[in-house]
Amino acid sequence: MNLPALLALFLIKRVLNRSNRPQVKPSKAKTSARPGKRKPAAKRSQNAQGTKRYLNRLAKLESGPDQPNYTARRPNSQYWGRWQLGRLARNGPPNEPASEWVARRVPWRQFSQDAALQTADVTNWARRAYRELKRQPDARAAVAAGTLHGLPVTWSGLVGFDHLVGRAAVLKWIRTGADTQDANGTPGTRYLTTLNGADLSAWNPKPSKGKTNV
């Protein structure tokens, strides 16, 4: 075999050897979590501060501006503790499981001495009001507008209004501008304006898998 033929054979073998080598794909940098899957720690902390701010301001309206007063109660009153929680707020609807209402059937002596119990109960009550109000088209429209009947409207203000005089009174005010007072003569709009502006987004329901909140 002459030299040109040998050279050609050598080049053919070299090409075949290269084509038979396994292809190695470049590795992609791994990430610990999908973008947007978890809120940054700073944002979660900010949201938690919003709910804490709301509850602290509500407590000052309900039981006084001084030191936390977990034993606040008028004689024979159904409204108990730092946030003046009534029977429904403590016990919840009778058709709902007791596991969702930590203060259900708890006697006054125990309730008045348990700050954590009162905090858990008012948080559950306020979070429930927040989520139910957000399902009301009129409430969503009022918050989107930002002002209504000459007053600022935010979710925390509406939840405070609801705490004082109830859901029907909140929706009545939104639709007609007619205010409602509690038994002590306090108008719901006082709570609306005083509790205005706290960030309650930490109480948004967690989205189900495969779904996103709009």
N, C-alpha and C. Protein backbone atom coordinates (compact mmCIF):
# COMPACT_ATOMS: atom_id res chain seq x y z
N MET A 1 0.87 -1.19 0.00
CA MET A 1 0.00 0.00 0.00
C MET A 1 0.90 1.24 0.00
N ASN A 2 0.59 2.16 -0.94
CA ASN A 2 1.45 3.34 -1.08
C ASN A 2 1.15 4.35 0.01
N LEU A 3 1.96 5.38 0.10
CA LEU A 3 1.86 6.38 1.17
C LEU A 3 0.55 7.14 1.14
N PRO A 4 0.08 7.60 -0.01
CA PRO A 4 -1.21 8.32 0.00
C PRO A 4 -2.36 7.45 0.54
N ALA A 5 -2.34 6.17 0.19
CA ALA A 5 -3.41 5.29 0.67
C ALA A 5 -3.34 5.11 2.18
N LEU A 6 -2.09 4.94 2.71
CA LEU A 6 -1.92 4.81 4.15
C LEU A 6 -2.39 6.06 4.89
N LEU A 7 -2.06 7.21 4.32
CA LEU A 7 -2.47 8.48 4.95
C LEU A 7 -4.00 8.62 4.97
N ALA A 8 -4.64 8.24 3.88
CA ALA A 8 -6.09 8.32 3.81
C ALA A 8 -6.74 7.39 4.83
N LEU A 9 -6.17 6.14 4.97
CA LEU A 9 -6.70 5.18 5.92
C LEU A 9 -6.57 5.70 7.35
N PHE A 10 -5.43 6.36 7.65
CA PHE A 10 -5.18 6.91 8.99
C PHE A 10 -6.21 7.99 9.33
N LEU A 11 -6.48 8.85 8.36
CA LEU A 11 -7.45 9.93 8.59
C LEU A 11 -8.86 9.40 8.80
N ILE A 12 -9.23 8.35 8.04
CA ILE A 12 -10.56 7.76 8.19
C ILE A 12 -10.74 7.16 9.59
N LYS A 13 -9.72 6.44 10.09
CA LYS A 13 -9.79 5.84 11.43
C LYS A 13 -9.90 6.92 12.51
N ARG A 14 -9.18 8.00 12.32
CA ARG A 14 -9.20 9.09 13.32
C ARG A 14 -10.59 9.71 13.42
N VAL A 15 -11.23 9.93 12.26
CA VAL A 15 -12.59 10.50 12.24
C VAL A 15 -13.58 9.56 12.89
N LEU A 16 -13.45 8.25 12.60
CA LEU A 16 -14.36 7.27 13.19
C LEU A 16 -14.21 7.20 14.71
N ASN A 17 -12.97 7.28 15.21
CA ASN A 17 -12.75 7.24 16.67
C ASN A 17 -13.39 8.43 17.37
N ARG A 18 -13.31 9.59 16.74
CA ARG A 18 -13.92 10.79 17.34
C ARG A 18 -15.44 10.69 17.40
N SER A 19 -16.02 10.15 16.31
CA SER A 19 -17.48 10.07 16.26
C SER A 19 -18.04 9.06 17.26
N ASN A 20 -17.21 8.10 17.70
CA ASN A 20 -17.68 7.07 18.63
C ASN A 20 -17.53 7.48 20.10
N ARG A 21 -16.89 8.63 20.36
CA ARG A 21 -16.73 9.07 21.75
C ARG A 21 -18.08 9.52 22.32
N PRO A 22 -18.35 9.20 23.60
CA PRO A 22 -19.61 9.67 24.22
C PRO A 22 -19.61 11.19 24.35
N GLN A 23 -20.77 11.78 24.07
CA GLN A 23 -20.93 13.23 24.18
C GLN A 23 -21.27 13.59 25.61
N VAL A 24 -20.52 14.51 26.18
CA VAL A 24 -20.75 14.96 27.55
C VAL A 24 -21.41 16.32 27.49
N LYS A 25 -22.65 16.42 28.04
CA LYS A 25 -23.36 17.68 28.04
C LYS A 25 -22.89 18.55 29.20
N PRO A 26 -22.72 19.82 28.95
CA PRO A 26 -22.31 20.71 30.05
C PRO A 26 -23.37 20.74 31.14
N SER A 27 -22.92 20.67 32.38
CA SER A 27 -23.87 20.65 33.50
C SER A 27 -24.42 22.04 33.74
N LYS A 28 -25.70 22.07 34.13
CA LYS A 28 -26.34 23.33 34.44
C LYS A 28 -26.22 23.61 35.94
N ALA A 29 -26.03 24.84 36.26
CA ALA A 29 -25.94 25.21 37.67
C ALA A 29 -27.26 24.92 38.37
N LYS A 30 -27.18 24.25 39.50
CA LYS A 30 -28.37 23.90 40.25
C LYS A 30 -28.79 25.07 41.13
N THR A 31 -30.08 25.20 41.27
CA THR A 31 -30.61 26.23 42.16
C THR A 31 -31.39 25.55 43.27
N SER A 32 -31.37 26.16 44.44
CA SER A 32 -32.00 25.54 45.61
C SER A 32 -33.52 25.60 45.54
N ALA A 33 -34.07 26.57 44.81
CA ALA A 33 -35.52 26.70 44.73
C ALA A 33 -35.90 27.40 43.45
N ARG A 34 -37.12 27.16 42.99
CA ARG A 34 -37.60 27.83 41.79
C ARG A 34 -37.82 29.31 42.08
N PRO A 35 -37.48 30.16 41.08
CA PRO A 35 -37.70 31.59 41.31
C PRO A 35 -39.16 31.87 41.63
N GLY A 36 -39.38 32.65 42.67
CA GLY A 36 -40.73 33.03 43.03
C GLY A 36 -41.48 32.02 43.87
N LYS A 37 -40.86 30.87 44.17
CA LYS A 37 -41.58 29.85 44.92
C LYS A 37 -41.74 30.25 46.38
N ARG A 38 -40.71 30.91 46.94
CA ARG A 38 -40.78 31.37 48.32
C ARG A 38 -40.50 32.86 48.38
N LYS A 39 -41.19 33.53 49.26
CA LYS A 39 -40.94 34.95 49.43
C LYS A 39 -39.60 35.14 50.14
N PRO A 40 -38.87 36.20 49.81
CA PRO A 40 -37.65 36.50 50.55
C PRO A 40 -37.95 36.66 52.03
N ALA A 41 -36.95 36.32 52.87
CA ALA A 41 -37.17 36.39 54.31
C ALA A 41 -37.58 37.79 54.75
N ALA A 42 -37.00 38.81 54.13
CA ALA A 42 -37.33 40.19 54.51
C ALA A 42 -38.80 40.49 54.24
N LYS A 43 -39.33 39.98 53.12
CA LYS A 43 -40.73 40.22 52.78
C LYS A 43 -41.65 39.49 53.75
N ARG A 44 -41.31 38.24 54.11
CA ARG A 44 -42.13 37.50 55.07
C ARG A 44 -42.15 38.21 56.41
N SER A 45 -40.99 38.74 56.83
CA SER A 45 -40.91 39.47 58.08
C SER A 45 -41.76 40.74 58.04
N GLN A 46 -41.73 41.44 56.91
CA GLN A 46 -42.52 42.66 56.75
C GLN A 46 -44.01 42.35 56.85
N ASN A 47 -44.45 41.26 56.23
CA ASN A 47 -45.86 40.88 56.28
C ASN A 47 -46.28 40.55 57.71
N ALA A 48 -45.41 39.82 58.43
CA ALA A 48 -45.71 39.47 59.82
C ALA A 48 -45.80 40.73 60.67
N GLN A 49 -44.96 41.71 60.40
CA GLN A 49 -45.01 42.96 61.16
C GLN A 49 -46.33 43.68 60.90
N GLY A 50 -46.88 43.55 59.69
CA GLY A 50 -48.16 44.19 59.38
C GLY A 50 -49.29 43.65 60.22
N THR A 51 -49.37 42.33 60.37
CA THR A 51 -50.45 41.75 61.18
C THR A 51 -50.24 42.07 62.65
N LYS A 52 -48.99 42.09 63.10
CA LYS A 52 -48.70 42.45 64.50
C LYS A 52 -49.11 43.89 64.77
N ARG A 53 -48.82 44.77 63.81
CA ARG A 53 -49.19 46.18 63.96
C ARG A 53 -50.71 46.32 64.07
N TYR A 54 -51.42 45.60 63.23
CA TYR A 54 -52.89 45.65 63.28
C TYR A 54 -53.41 45.21 64.64
N LEU A 55 -52.93 44.07 65.13
CA LEU A 55 -53.43 43.53 66.39
C LEU A 55 -53.08 44.43 67.57
N ASN A 56 -51.91 45.04 67.56
CA ASN A 56 -51.54 45.95 68.65
C ASN A 56 -52.43 47.20 68.66
N ARG A 57 -52.70 47.74 67.49
CA ARG A 57 -53.55 48.93 67.41
C ARG A 57 -55.00 48.60 67.79
N LEU A 58 -55.46 47.42 67.39
CA LEU A 58 -56.80 46.99 67.77
C LEU A 58 -56.91 46.84 69.28
N ALA A 59 -55.89 46.27 69.91
CA ALA A 59 -55.90 46.08 71.36
C ALA A 59 -56.00 47.41 72.10
N LYS A 60 -55.32 48.43 71.60
CA LYS A 60 -55.38 49.74 72.25
C LYS A 60 -56.79 50.33 72.18
N LEU A 61 -57.48 50.07 71.08
CA LEU A 61 -58.86 50.54 70.97
C LEU A 61 -59.79 49.77 71.90
N GLU A 62 -59.50 48.50 72.10
CA GLU A 62 -60.42 47.63 72.84
C GLU A 62 -60.20 47.64 74.35
N SER A 63 -58.94 47.68 74.78
CA SER A 63 -58.69 47.54 76.23
C SER A 63 -57.75 48.59 76.79
N GLY A 64 -57.46 49.64 76.03
CA GLY A 64 -56.68 50.75 76.57
C GLY A 64 -55.28 50.83 76.00
N PRO A 65 -54.71 52.05 76.02
CA PRO A 65 -53.41 52.28 75.37
C PRO A 65 -52.21 51.91 76.21
N ASP A 66 -52.42 51.51 77.47
CA ASP A 66 -51.27 51.26 78.35
C ASP A 66 -50.74 49.83 78.15
N GLN A 67 -50.30 49.21 79.22
CA GLN A 67 -49.76 47.86 79.13
C GLN A 67 -50.84 46.89 78.65
N PRO A 68 -50.44 45.81 77.94
CA PRO A 68 -51.43 44.82 77.49
C PRO A 68 -52.29 44.34 78.66
N ASN A 69 -53.61 44.43 78.45
CA ASN A 69 -54.56 44.12 79.52
C ASN A 69 -55.36 42.87 79.13
N TYR A 70 -54.84 41.71 79.51
CA TYR A 70 -55.48 40.45 79.14
C TYR A 70 -56.65 40.11 80.07
N THR A 71 -56.82 40.87 81.15
CA THR A 71 -57.91 40.61 82.09
C THR A 71 -59.05 41.61 81.94
N ALA A 72 -59.04 42.39 80.84
CA ALA A 72 -60.07 43.40 80.64
C ALA A 72 -61.44 42.74 80.47
N ARG A 73 -62.38 43.18 81.30
CA ARG A 73 -63.75 42.69 81.19
C ARG A 73 -64.66 43.51 82.09
N ARG A 74 -65.76 43.99 81.53
CA ARG A 74 -66.76 44.65 82.36
C ARG A 74 -67.56 43.58 83.11
N PRO A 75 -68.15 43.94 84.25
CA PRO A 75 -68.91 42.94 85.03
C PRO A 75 -69.99 42.25 84.19
N ASN A 76 -69.94 40.94 84.21
CA ASN A 76 -70.92 40.09 83.52
C ASN A 76 -70.94 40.27 82.00
N SER A 77 -69.90 40.87 81.44
CA SER A 77 -69.86 41.08 80.00
C SER A 77 -69.41 39.81 79.28
N GLN A 78 -69.94 39.62 78.07
CA GLN A 78 -69.50 38.50 77.24
C GLN A 78 -68.22 38.83 76.48
N TYR A 79 -67.77 40.07 76.54
CA TYR A 79 -66.57 40.48 75.81
C TYR A 79 -65.36 40.41 76.73
N TRP A 80 -64.41 39.56 76.34
CA TRP A 80 -63.33 39.20 77.24
C TRP A 80 -61.97 39.61 76.69
N GLY A 81 -61.07 39.96 77.62
CA GLY A 81 -59.65 40.03 77.34
C GLY A 81 -59.16 41.25 76.59
N ARG A 82 -57.91 41.16 76.17
CA ARG A 82 -57.21 42.28 75.55
C ARG A 82 -57.92 42.79 74.30
N TRP A 83 -58.55 41.89 73.54
CA TRP A 83 -59.22 42.29 72.30
C TRP A 83 -60.75 42.26 72.43
N GLN A 84 -61.26 42.08 73.66
CA GLN A 84 -62.70 42.10 73.89
C GLN A 84 -63.44 41.17 72.93
N LEU A 85 -63.07 39.91 72.99
CA LEU A 85 -63.63 38.90 72.10
C LEU A 85 -64.94 38.37 72.66
N GLY A 86 -66.00 38.43 71.84
CA GLY A 86 -67.30 37.94 72.24
C GLY A 86 -67.42 36.43 72.09
N ARG A 87 -68.60 35.92 72.40
CA ARG A 87 -68.80 34.46 72.38
C ARG A 87 -68.52 33.85 71.02
N LEU A 88 -69.01 34.49 69.96
CA LEU A 88 -68.80 33.93 68.63
C LEU A 88 -67.33 33.93 68.26
N ALA A 89 -66.62 34.99 68.61
CA ALA A 89 -65.18 35.07 68.30
C ALA A 89 -64.39 34.03 69.08
N ARG A 90 -64.84 33.68 70.27
CA ARG A 90 -64.12 32.68 71.07
C ARG A 90 -64.50 31.25 70.70
N ASN A 91 -65.78 31.04 70.44
CA ASN A 91 -66.26 29.67 70.24
C ASN A 91 -66.39 29.27 68.77
N GLY A 92 -66.55 30.28 67.89
CA GLY A 92 -66.75 29.98 66.48
C GLY A 92 -68.14 29.43 66.21
N PRO A 93 -68.50 29.31 64.95
CA PRO A 93 -69.80 28.72 64.59
C PRO A 93 -69.88 27.29 65.12
N PRO A 94 -71.03 26.87 65.65
CA PRO A 94 -71.13 25.54 66.26
C PRO A 94 -70.92 24.39 65.29
N ASN A 95 -71.09 24.64 63.98
CA ASN A 95 -70.92 23.56 63.01
C ASN A 95 -69.47 23.38 62.58
N GLU A 96 -68.55 24.18 63.12
CA GLU A 96 -67.14 24.06 62.75
C GLU A 96 -66.39 23.30 63.84
N PRO A 97 -65.35 22.54 63.47
CA PRO A 97 -64.64 21.71 64.45
C PRO A 97 -63.96 22.54 65.53
N ALA A 98 -63.93 21.98 66.73
CA ALA A 98 -63.32 22.68 67.88
C ALA A 98 -61.84 22.93 67.65
N SER A 99 -61.19 22.11 66.84
CA SER A 99 -59.75 22.27 66.61
C SER A 99 -59.42 23.61 65.98
N GLU A 100 -60.39 24.23 65.31
CA GLU A 100 -60.15 25.53 64.67
C GLU A 100 -60.42 26.69 65.61
N TRP A 101 -60.94 26.41 66.79
CA TRP A 101 -61.30 27.47 67.73
C TRP A 101 -60.69 27.15 69.08
N VAL A 102 -59.51 27.67 69.32
CA VAL A 102 -58.71 27.26 70.48
C VAL A 102 -59.33 27.71 71.81
N ALA A 103 -60.21 28.73 71.77
CA ALA A 103 -60.80 29.22 73.02
C ALA A 103 -62.20 28.67 73.27
N ARG A 104 -62.63 27.74 72.46
CA ARG A 104 -63.99 27.21 72.62
C ARG A 104 -64.15 26.55 74.00
N ARG A 105 -65.20 27.00 74.70
CA ARG A 105 -65.56 26.48 76.04
C ARG A 105 -64.47 26.71 77.10
N VAL A 106 -63.53 27.58 76.81
CA VAL A 106 -62.51 27.92 77.82
C VAL A 106 -63.13 28.89 78.83
N PRO A 107 -63.07 28.60 80.13
CA PRO A 107 -63.67 29.49 81.14
C PRO A 107 -62.89 30.79 81.28
N TRP A 108 -63.55 31.80 81.82
CA TRP A 108 -62.95 33.12 81.95
C TRP A 108 -61.64 33.09 82.72
N ARG A 109 -61.58 32.37 83.83
CA ARG A 109 -60.35 32.37 84.63
C ARG A 109 -59.15 31.92 83.80
N GLN A 110 -59.32 30.85 83.03
CA GLN A 110 -58.22 30.36 82.19
C GLN A 110 -57.93 31.34 81.06
N PHE A 111 -58.98 31.86 80.42
CA PHE A 111 -58.82 32.77 79.30
C PHE A 111 -58.06 34.03 79.72
N SER A 112 -58.40 34.57 80.87
CA SER A 112 -57.82 35.83 81.33
C SER A 112 -56.34 35.69 81.68
N GLN A 113 -55.88 34.47 81.94
CA GLN A 113 -54.50 34.25 82.35
C GLN A 113 -53.62 33.70 81.23
N ASP A 114 -54.18 33.57 80.04
CA ASP A 114 -53.44 32.94 78.94
C ASP A 114 -53.30 33.90 77.76
N ALA A 115 -52.19 34.64 77.74
CA ALA A 115 -51.97 35.63 76.67
C ALA A 115 -51.84 34.96 75.31
N ALA A 116 -51.17 33.81 75.26
CA ALA A 116 -50.97 33.12 73.99
C ALA A 116 -52.31 32.64 73.42
N LEU A 117 -53.19 32.17 74.29
CA LEU A 117 -54.52 31.71 73.85
C LEU A 117 -55.30 32.88 73.26
N GLN A 118 -55.29 34.02 73.93
CA GLN A 118 -56.01 35.18 73.42
C GLN A 118 -55.44 35.65 72.08
N THR A 119 -54.13 35.65 71.96
CA THR A 119 -53.50 36.07 70.71
C THR A 119 -53.85 35.13 69.57
N ALA A 120 -53.82 33.83 69.84
CA ALA A 120 -54.17 32.85 68.81
C ALA A 120 -55.63 32.99 68.39
N ASP A 121 -56.50 33.27 69.36
CA ASP A 121 -57.92 33.37 69.07
C ASP A 121 -58.23 34.62 68.24
N VAL A 122 -57.68 35.77 68.63
CA VAL A 122 -57.96 36.99 67.87
C VAL A 122 -57.34 36.91 66.48
N THR A 123 -56.19 36.26 66.36
CA THR A 123 -55.56 36.10 65.04
C THR A 123 -56.45 35.26 64.13
N ASN A 124 -56.98 34.18 64.67
CA ASN A 124 -57.87 33.32 63.89
C ASN A 124 -59.13 34.08 63.48
N TRP A 125 -59.69 34.85 64.39
CA TRP A 125 -60.92 35.60 64.13
C TRP A 125 -60.68 36.69 63.07
N ALA A 126 -59.59 37.43 63.22
CA ALA A 126 -59.29 38.51 62.27
C ALA A 126 -58.92 37.97 60.89
N ARG A 127 -58.15 36.88 60.87
CA ARG A 127 -57.78 36.27 59.59
C ARG A 127 -59.02 35.76 58.86
N ARG A 128 -59.94 35.20 59.60
CA ARG A 128 -61.19 34.72 59.00
C ARG A 128 -61.97 35.89 58.39
N ALA A 129 -62.09 37.00 59.14
CA ALA A 129 -62.80 38.17 58.64
C ALA A 129 -62.13 38.72 57.38
N TYR A 130 -60.82 38.78 57.40
CA TYR A 130 -60.05 39.28 56.24
C TYR A 130 -60.33 38.45 54.99
N ARG A 131 -60.27 37.14 55.13
CA ARG A 131 -60.47 36.26 53.97
C ARG A 131 -61.91 36.32 53.47
N GLU A 132 -62.86 36.40 54.40
CA GLU A 132 -64.27 36.46 53.98
C GLU A 132 -64.60 37.80 53.33
N LEU A 133 -64.04 38.88 53.85
CA LEU A 133 -64.26 40.19 53.23
C LEU A 133 -63.66 40.24 51.82
N LYS A 134 -62.54 39.58 51.63
CA LYS A 134 -61.90 39.60 50.31
C LYS A 134 -62.73 38.85 49.27
N ARG A 135 -63.66 38.04 49.72
CA ARG A 135 -64.55 37.35 48.78
C ARG A 135 -65.77 38.20 48.42
N GLN A 136 -65.91 39.35 49.04
CA GLN A 136 -67.05 40.23 48.78
C GLN A 136 -66.69 41.22 47.65
N PRO A 137 -67.39 41.17 46.52
CA PRO A 137 -67.07 42.09 45.41
C PRO A 137 -67.12 43.56 45.81
N ASP A 138 -68.09 43.95 46.64
CA ASP A 138 -68.20 45.35 47.05
C ASP A 138 -66.99 45.78 47.89
N ALA A 139 -66.52 44.88 48.75
CA ALA A 139 -65.35 45.19 49.57
C ALA A 139 -64.10 45.32 48.70
N ARG A 140 -63.95 44.42 47.73
CA ARG A 140 -62.79 44.50 46.83
C ARG A 140 -62.81 45.81 46.04
N ALA A 141 -63.98 46.21 45.58
CA ALA A 141 -64.09 47.45 44.82
C ALA A 141 -63.75 48.65 45.69
N ALA A 142 -64.17 48.62 46.95
CA ALA A 142 -63.90 49.74 47.86
C ALA A 142 -62.40 49.88 48.12
N VAL A 143 -61.73 48.75 48.36
CA VAL A 143 -60.28 48.79 48.61
C VAL A 143 -59.54 49.23 47.34
N ALA A 144 -59.99 48.75 46.19
CA ALA A 144 -59.35 49.14 44.93
C ALA A 144 -59.49 50.65 44.69
N ALA A 145 -60.63 51.21 45.08
CA ALA A 145 -60.85 52.65 44.90
C ALA A 145 -59.98 53.46 45.85
N GLY A 146 -59.69 52.92 47.04
CA GLY A 146 -58.82 53.61 47.98
C GLY A 146 -59.54 54.56 48.92
N THR A 147 -60.59 55.20 48.46
CA THR A 147 -61.42 56.06 49.31
C THR A 147 -62.89 55.81 48.99
N LEU A 148 -63.73 55.98 50.00
CA LEU A 148 -65.16 55.79 49.81
C LEU A 148 -65.89 56.63 50.85
N HIS A 149 -66.93 57.34 50.42
CA HIS A 149 -67.69 58.21 51.32
C HIS A 149 -66.77 59.17 52.07
N GLY A 150 -65.70 59.59 51.39
CA GLY A 150 -64.78 60.56 51.97
C GLY A 150 -63.76 60.01 52.94
N LEU A 151 -63.68 58.67 53.08
CA LEU A 151 -62.75 58.06 54.03
C LEU A 151 -61.81 57.09 53.32
N PRO A 152 -60.57 56.94 53.81
CA PRO A 152 -59.65 55.97 53.22
C PRO A 152 -60.12 54.54 53.53
N VAL A 153 -59.94 53.66 52.56
CA VAL A 153 -60.39 52.27 52.74
C VAL A 153 -59.22 51.32 52.44
N THR A 154 -58.87 50.51 53.42
CA THR A 154 -57.89 49.44 53.24
C THR A 154 -58.46 48.18 53.89
N TRP A 155 -57.80 47.05 53.63
CA TRP A 155 -58.29 45.79 54.21
C TRP A 155 -58.23 45.81 55.73
N SER A 156 -57.16 46.36 56.29
CA SER A 156 -57.07 46.35 57.76
C SER A 156 -58.16 47.22 58.38
N GLY A 157 -58.50 48.33 57.73
CA GLY A 157 -59.58 49.16 58.23
C GLY A 157 -60.92 48.45 58.19
N LEU A 158 -61.18 47.73 57.10
CA LEU A 158 -62.45 46.99 56.98
C LEU A 158 -62.52 45.85 57.99
N VAL A 159 -61.40 45.18 58.23
CA VAL A 159 -61.39 44.09 59.22
C VAL A 159 -61.65 44.65 60.62
N GLY A 160 -61.09 45.83 60.92
CA GLY A 160 -61.36 46.46 62.20
C GLY A 160 -62.82 46.87 62.35
N PHE A 161 -63.38 47.43 61.30
CA PHE A 161 -64.81 47.79 61.25
C PHE A 161 -65.64 46.54 61.54
N ASP A 162 -65.30 45.44 60.89
CA ASP A 162 -65.99 44.16 61.07
C ASP A 162 -65.88 43.68 62.52
N HIS A 163 -64.70 43.85 63.11
CA HIS A 163 -64.49 43.42 64.50
C HIS A 163 -65.45 44.14 65.45
N LEU A 164 -65.67 45.43 65.20
CA LEU A 164 -66.49 46.22 66.11
C LEU A 164 -67.98 45.96 65.95
N VAL A 165 -68.47 46.00 64.71
CA VAL A 165 -69.93 45.97 64.52
C VAL A 165 -70.42 44.89 63.56
N GLY A 166 -69.51 44.08 63.00
CA GLY A 166 -69.97 42.94 62.21
C GLY A 166 -69.97 43.17 60.71
N ARG A 167 -70.09 42.05 60.00
CA ARG A 167 -70.00 42.03 58.54
C ARG A 167 -71.12 42.81 57.86
N ALA A 168 -72.35 42.62 58.34
CA ALA A 168 -73.48 43.30 57.70
C ALA A 168 -73.33 44.81 57.78
N ALA A 169 -72.80 45.31 58.90
CA ALA A 169 -72.61 46.75 59.06
C ALA A 169 -71.53 47.27 58.11
N VAL A 170 -70.49 46.48 57.90
CA VAL A 170 -69.43 46.88 56.96
C VAL A 170 -70.00 47.02 55.55
N LEU A 171 -70.74 46.02 55.11
CA LEU A 171 -71.29 46.05 53.75
C LEU A 171 -72.36 47.13 53.60
N LYS A 172 -73.10 47.39 54.67
CA LYS A 172 -74.09 48.47 54.64
C LYS A 172 -73.40 49.81 54.42
N TRP A 173 -72.31 50.03 55.15
CA TRP A 173 -71.57 51.29 54.99
C TRP A 173 -71.00 51.42 53.58
N ILE A 174 -70.42 50.34 53.06
CA ILE A 174 -69.85 50.38 51.72
C ILE A 174 -70.92 50.76 50.69
N ARG A 175 -72.10 50.16 50.83
CA ARG A 175 -73.14 50.35 49.81
C ARG A 175 -73.93 51.65 49.97
N THR A 176 -74.05 52.14 51.21
CA THR A 176 -74.93 53.29 51.43
C THR A 176 -74.26 54.48 52.12
N GLY A 177 -73.12 54.23 52.78
CA GLY A 177 -72.48 55.29 53.56
C GLY A 177 -73.04 55.43 54.95
N ALA A 178 -74.04 54.62 55.32
CA ALA A 178 -74.65 54.68 56.65
C ALA A 178 -73.77 53.97 57.67
N ASP A 179 -73.35 54.68 58.70
CA ASP A 179 -72.47 54.12 59.73
C ASP A 179 -73.29 53.36 60.77
N THR A 180 -72.62 52.48 61.52
CA THR A 180 -73.26 51.73 62.60
C THR A 180 -72.43 51.88 63.86
N GLN A 181 -73.07 52.06 65.00
CA GLN A 181 -72.39 52.17 66.27
C GLN A 181 -72.56 50.90 67.09
N ASP A 182 -71.57 50.63 67.95
CA ASP A 182 -71.72 49.50 68.86
C ASP A 182 -72.53 49.94 70.08
N ALA A 183 -72.67 49.07 71.09
CA ALA A 183 -73.50 49.35 72.25
C ALA A 183 -72.98 50.53 73.07
N ASN A 184 -71.68 50.86 72.90
CA ASN A 184 -71.09 51.98 73.64
C ASN A 184 -71.11 53.28 72.83
N GLY A 185 -71.72 53.24 71.64
CA GLY A 185 -71.80 54.43 70.82
C GLY A 185 -70.59 54.70 69.95
N THR A 186 -69.69 53.71 69.83
CA THR A 186 -68.50 53.88 68.98
C THR A 186 -68.86 53.55 67.54
N PRO A 187 -68.64 54.47 66.60
CA PRO A 187 -68.97 54.19 65.20
C PRO A 187 -67.95 53.26 64.54
N GLY A 188 -68.45 52.45 63.65
CA GLY A 188 -67.55 51.53 62.94
C GLY A 188 -66.47 52.26 62.16
N THR A 189 -66.79 53.46 61.66
CA THR A 189 -65.81 54.20 60.86
C THR A 189 -64.62 54.66 61.69
N ARG A 190 -64.78 54.73 63.02
CA ARG A 190 -63.61 55.06 63.85
C ARG A 190 -62.55 53.95 63.73
N TYR A 191 -62.99 52.72 63.76
CA TYR A 191 -62.06 51.60 63.60
C TYR A 191 -61.54 51.53 62.17
N LEU A 192 -62.38 51.86 61.21
CA LEU A 192 -61.96 51.87 59.81
C LEU A 192 -60.77 52.79 59.62
N THR A 193 -60.85 54.00 60.18
CA THR A 193 -59.79 54.99 59.96
C THR A 193 -58.58 54.76 60.88
N THR A 194 -58.82 54.37 62.13
CA THR A 194 -57.72 54.18 63.07
C THR A 194 -56.86 52.98 62.70
N LEU A 195 -57.47 51.94 62.16
CA LEU A 195 -56.74 50.71 61.82
C LEU A 195 -56.34 50.66 60.35
N ASN A 196 -56.49 51.76 59.67
CA ASN A 196 -56.18 51.85 58.25
C ASN A 196 -54.68 51.62 57.97
N GLY A 197 -54.39 50.87 56.91
CA GLY A 197 -53.04 50.84 56.37
C GLY A 197 -52.11 49.75 56.82
N ALA A 198 -52.52 48.84 57.71
CA ALA A 198 -51.65 47.73 58.10
C ALA A 198 -51.67 46.65 57.02
N ASP A 199 -50.52 46.08 56.73
CA ASP A 199 -50.41 45.05 55.70
C ASP A 199 -50.84 43.70 56.28
N LEU A 200 -51.96 43.17 55.78
CA LEU A 200 -52.47 41.88 56.26
C LEU A 200 -52.25 40.76 55.26
N SER A 201 -51.38 40.97 54.30
CA SER A 201 -51.21 39.96 53.23
C SER A 201 -50.66 38.64 53.75
N ALA A 202 -50.07 38.64 54.94
CA ALA A 202 -49.61 37.37 55.53
C ALA A 202 -50.77 36.42 55.79
N TRP A 203 -51.99 36.96 55.83
CA TRP A 203 -53.18 36.14 56.07
C TRP A 203 -53.83 35.65 54.78
N ASN A 204 -53.23 35.94 53.63
CA ASN A 204 -53.77 35.40 52.38
C ASN A 204 -53.69 33.88 52.39
N PRO A 205 -54.69 33.19 51.86
CA PRO A 205 -54.61 31.73 51.80
C PRO A 205 -53.42 31.29 50.96
N LYS A 206 -52.81 30.19 51.36
CA LYS A 206 -51.71 29.65 50.56
C LYS A 206 -52.27 29.04 49.28
N PRO A 207 -51.67 29.34 48.11
CA PRO A 207 -52.20 28.80 46.86
C PRO A 207 -52.06 27.29 46.80
N SER A 208 -53.07 26.65 46.23
CA SER A 208 -52.99 25.20 46.03
C SER A 208 -51.95 24.87 44.98
N LYS A 209 -51.44 23.65 45.00
CA LYS A 209 -50.45 23.24 44.01
C LYS A 209 -51.03 23.32 42.62
N GLY A 210 -50.27 23.93 41.74
CA GLY A 210 -50.70 24.06 40.35
C GLY A 210 -51.59 25.24 40.12
N LYS A 211 -51.91 26.02 41.18
CA LYS A 211 -52.76 27.18 41.04
C LYS A 211 -52.06 28.41 41.59
N THR A 212 -52.41 29.54 41.08
CA THR A 212 -51.86 30.79 41.58
C THR A 212 -53.00 31.72 41.93
N ASN A 213 -52.78 32.55 42.96
CA ASN A 213 -53.80 33.53 43.33
C ASN A 213 -53.75 34.70 42.37
N VAL A 214 -54.89 35.21 42.01
CA VAL A 214 -54.97 36.36 41.11
C VAL A 214 -55.37 37.58 41.93
